C-alpha cells in the first residue's frame, strides 16, 4: 500500500459502503476508509478516509454532498 498521508475525519449517517464504492470508482491512487466509531441504535458513525494522492482528497471533498 502507498503512503496515505492525506486524510480527513467526518461524521455521517450514511453507509460506509457508499463511500467505499465512491473511493473504488474515483481514486487514482490508494485510499483507505476506516470506521472509527459508531453508535448502536442510531445510524451515526465517525469515519476517516486517507488518500495517497492529494487530488483524490480534493475530489472527495468536492463530491461529498453528492455521494
N, C-alpha and C. Protein backbone atom coordinates (compact mmCIF):
# COMPACT_ATOMS: atom_id res chain seq x y z
N UNK A 1 0.85 -1.18 0.00
CA UNK A 1 0.00 0.00 0.00
C UNK A 1 0.89 1.23 0.00
N UNK A 2 0.42 2.28 -0.66
CA UNK A 2 1.18 3.52 -0.77
C UNK A 2 1.17 4.32 0.53
N UNK A 3 1.77 5.47 0.45
CA UNK A 3 1.84 6.38 1.60
C UNK A 3 0.55 7.20 1.67
N UNK A 4 -0.31 6.88 2.61
CA UNK A 4 -1.62 7.53 2.74
C UNK A 4 -1.50 8.71 3.69
N UNK A 5 -0.95 9.82 3.19
CA UNK A 5 -0.66 10.96 4.06
C UNK A 5 -1.69 12.08 4.02
N UNK A 6 -2.70 11.97 3.18
CA UNK A 6 -3.74 12.99 3.09
C UNK A 6 -5.05 12.38 3.59
N UNK A 7 -5.70 13.06 4.53
CA UNK A 7 -6.92 12.46 5.04
C UNK A 7 -7.80 13.44 5.79
N UNK A 8 -8.97 12.92 6.15
CA UNK A 8 -9.90 13.70 6.96
C UNK A 8 -10.82 12.77 7.71
N UNK A 9 -11.38 13.30 8.79
CA UNK A 9 -12.35 12.57 9.61
C UNK A 9 -13.68 13.31 9.52
N UNK A 10 -14.77 12.53 9.56
CA UNK A 10 -16.09 13.15 9.48
C UNK A 10 -17.14 12.25 10.10
N UNK A 11 -18.28 12.86 10.46
CA UNK A 11 -19.43 12.13 10.98
C UNK A 11 -20.47 12.06 9.89
N UNK A 12 -21.18 10.94 9.83
CA UNK A 12 -22.21 10.78 8.81
C UNK A 12 -23.23 9.73 9.24
N UNK A 13 -24.47 9.87 8.80
CA UNK A 13 -25.45 8.80 9.00
C UNK A 13 -25.43 7.81 7.82
N UNK A 14 -24.69 8.15 6.77
CA UNK A 14 -24.68 7.31 5.56
C UNK A 14 -23.82 6.05 5.75
N UNK A 15 -24.11 5.06 4.93
CA UNK A 15 -23.40 3.79 4.98
C UNK A 15 -21.95 3.94 4.53
N UNK A 16 -21.04 3.27 5.23
CA UNK A 16 -19.64 3.26 4.83
C UNK A 16 -19.47 2.64 3.44
N UNK A 17 -20.34 1.71 3.08
CA UNK A 17 -20.26 1.06 1.76
C UNK A 17 -20.41 2.07 0.62
N UNK A 18 -21.22 3.10 0.82
CA UNK A 18 -21.41 4.13 -0.20
C UNK A 18 -20.09 4.84 -0.46
N UNK A 19 -19.38 5.16 0.62
CA UNK A 19 -18.10 5.85 0.47
C UNK A 19 -17.04 4.93 -0.12
N UNK A 20 -17.03 3.66 0.28
CA UNK A 20 -16.08 2.70 -0.28
C UNK A 20 -16.26 2.57 -1.79
N UNK A 21 -17.51 2.52 -2.24
CA UNK A 21 -17.77 2.43 -3.68
C UNK A 21 -17.25 3.67 -4.39
N UNK A 22 -17.50 4.85 -3.83
CA UNK A 22 -17.01 6.07 -4.46
C UNK A 22 -15.49 6.05 -4.55
N UNK A 23 -14.82 5.65 -3.48
CA UNK A 23 -13.36 5.59 -3.47
C UNK A 23 -12.85 4.64 -4.55
N UNK A 24 -13.46 3.47 -4.65
CA UNK A 24 -13.04 2.48 -5.66
C UNK A 24 -13.25 2.99 -7.08
N UNK A 25 -14.32 3.73 -7.29
CA UNK A 25 -14.67 4.20 -8.64
C UNK A 25 -13.94 5.48 -9.04
N UNK A 26 -13.43 6.25 -8.09
CA UNK A 26 -12.96 7.60 -8.41
C UNK A 26 -11.52 7.94 -8.05
N UNK A 27 -10.84 7.11 -7.29
CA UNK A 27 -9.48 7.47 -6.86
C UNK A 27 -8.43 6.94 -7.82
N UNK A 28 -7.46 7.81 -8.13
CA UNK A 28 -6.35 7.42 -8.98
C UNK A 28 -5.24 6.73 -8.22
N UNK A 29 -5.17 6.97 -6.90
CA UNK A 29 -4.17 6.34 -6.05
C UNK A 29 -4.84 5.47 -5.01
N UNK A 30 -4.05 5.03 -4.07
CA UNK A 30 -4.58 4.22 -2.97
C UNK A 30 -5.44 5.08 -2.05
N UNK A 31 -6.46 4.46 -1.45
CA UNK A 31 -7.32 5.14 -0.48
C UNK A 31 -7.78 4.10 0.54
N UNK A 32 -8.03 4.57 1.75
CA UNK A 32 -8.49 3.67 2.81
C UNK A 32 -9.58 4.37 3.62
N UNK A 33 -10.67 3.65 3.86
CA UNK A 33 -11.77 4.15 4.68
C UNK A 33 -11.76 3.38 5.99
N UNK A 34 -11.82 4.10 7.11
CA UNK A 34 -11.79 3.49 8.43
C UNK A 34 -13.02 3.93 9.21
N UNK A 35 -13.74 2.96 9.78
CA UNK A 35 -14.84 3.28 10.70
C UNK A 35 -14.20 3.44 12.07
N UNK A 36 -14.20 4.66 12.58
CA UNK A 36 -13.57 4.94 13.87
C UNK A 36 -14.50 4.73 15.04
N UNK A 37 -15.80 4.98 14.83
CA UNK A 37 -16.75 4.85 15.93
C UNK A 37 -18.15 4.81 15.32
N UNK A 38 -19.05 4.11 16.00
CA UNK A 38 -20.45 4.12 15.60
C UNK A 38 -21.32 3.97 16.83
N UNK A 39 -22.54 4.44 16.73
CA UNK A 39 -23.48 4.39 17.85
C UNK A 39 -24.49 3.28 17.61
N UNK A 40 -24.59 2.39 18.56
CA UNK A 40 -25.59 1.33 18.49
C UNK A 40 -26.96 1.97 18.66
N UNK A 41 -27.87 1.63 17.80
CA UNK A 41 -29.22 2.16 17.89
C UNK A 41 -29.46 3.40 17.05
N UNK A 42 -28.39 3.96 16.47
CA UNK A 42 -28.53 5.08 15.55
C UNK A 42 -27.70 4.79 14.31
N UNK A 43 -27.85 5.59 13.31
CA UNK A 43 -27.06 5.39 12.10
C UNK A 43 -25.80 6.25 12.09
N UNK A 44 -25.58 7.03 13.15
CA UNK A 44 -24.42 7.91 13.19
C UNK A 44 -23.12 7.13 13.33
N UNK A 45 -22.12 7.56 12.59
CA UNK A 45 -20.80 6.95 12.69
C UNK A 45 -19.73 7.98 12.41
N UNK A 46 -18.54 7.72 12.92
CA UNK A 46 -17.37 8.55 12.63
C UNK A 46 -16.47 7.76 11.69
N UNK A 47 -16.17 8.35 10.55
CA UNK A 47 -15.32 7.72 9.56
C UNK A 47 -14.07 8.56 9.34
N UNK A 48 -13.03 7.91 8.90
CA UNK A 48 -11.81 8.58 8.47
C UNK A 48 -11.46 8.03 7.11
N UNK A 49 -11.01 8.89 6.23
CA UNK A 49 -10.60 8.45 4.90
C UNK A 49 -9.21 9.04 4.63
N UNK A 50 -8.34 8.19 4.11
CA UNK A 50 -6.95 8.58 3.85
C UNK A 50 -6.60 8.30 2.40
N UNK A 51 -5.84 9.21 1.81
CA UNK A 51 -5.51 9.15 0.39
C UNK A 51 -4.01 9.22 0.16
N UNK A 52 -3.56 8.53 -0.85
CA UNK A 52 -2.18 8.61 -1.29
C UNK A 52 -1.93 9.92 -2.04
N UNK A 53 -2.93 10.33 -2.84
CA UNK A 53 -2.80 11.50 -3.72
C UNK A 53 -3.70 12.62 -3.22
N UNK A 54 -3.14 13.80 -3.05
CA UNK A 54 -3.93 14.93 -2.53
C UNK A 54 -5.10 15.29 -3.44
N UNK A 55 -4.95 15.14 -4.74
CA UNK A 55 -6.06 15.47 -5.64
C UNK A 55 -7.26 14.55 -5.43
N UNK A 56 -7.02 13.31 -4.98
CA UNK A 56 -8.14 12.42 -4.65
C UNK A 56 -8.88 12.94 -3.42
N UNK A 57 -8.14 13.45 -2.45
CA UNK A 57 -8.77 14.07 -1.27
C UNK A 57 -9.63 15.25 -1.70
N UNK A 58 -9.11 16.11 -2.56
CA UNK A 58 -9.86 17.28 -3.03
C UNK A 58 -11.12 16.84 -3.78
N UNK A 59 -10.99 15.82 -4.62
CA UNK A 59 -12.15 15.31 -5.36
C UNK A 59 -13.20 14.76 -4.39
N UNK A 60 -12.77 14.07 -3.35
CA UNK A 60 -13.69 13.54 -2.35
C UNK A 60 -14.43 14.67 -1.65
N UNK A 61 -13.70 15.69 -1.24
CA UNK A 61 -14.34 16.84 -0.57
C UNK A 61 -15.38 17.49 -1.47
N UNK A 62 -15.05 17.66 -2.74
CA UNK A 62 -15.98 18.29 -3.68
C UNK A 62 -17.21 17.42 -3.94
N UNK A 63 -17.04 16.12 -3.93
CA UNK A 63 -18.14 15.21 -4.24
C UNK A 63 -18.94 14.78 -3.01
N UNK A 64 -18.46 15.08 -1.83
CA UNK A 64 -19.05 14.54 -0.59
C UNK A 64 -20.56 14.68 -0.54
N UNK A 65 -21.09 15.84 -0.84
CA UNK A 65 -22.55 16.06 -0.72
C UNK A 65 -23.36 15.25 -1.72
N UNK A 66 -22.72 14.77 -2.78
CA UNK A 66 -23.44 14.01 -3.80
C UNK A 66 -23.23 12.50 -3.67
N UNK A 67 -22.37 12.09 -2.73
CA UNK A 67 -22.09 10.66 -2.58
C UNK A 67 -23.24 10.00 -1.85
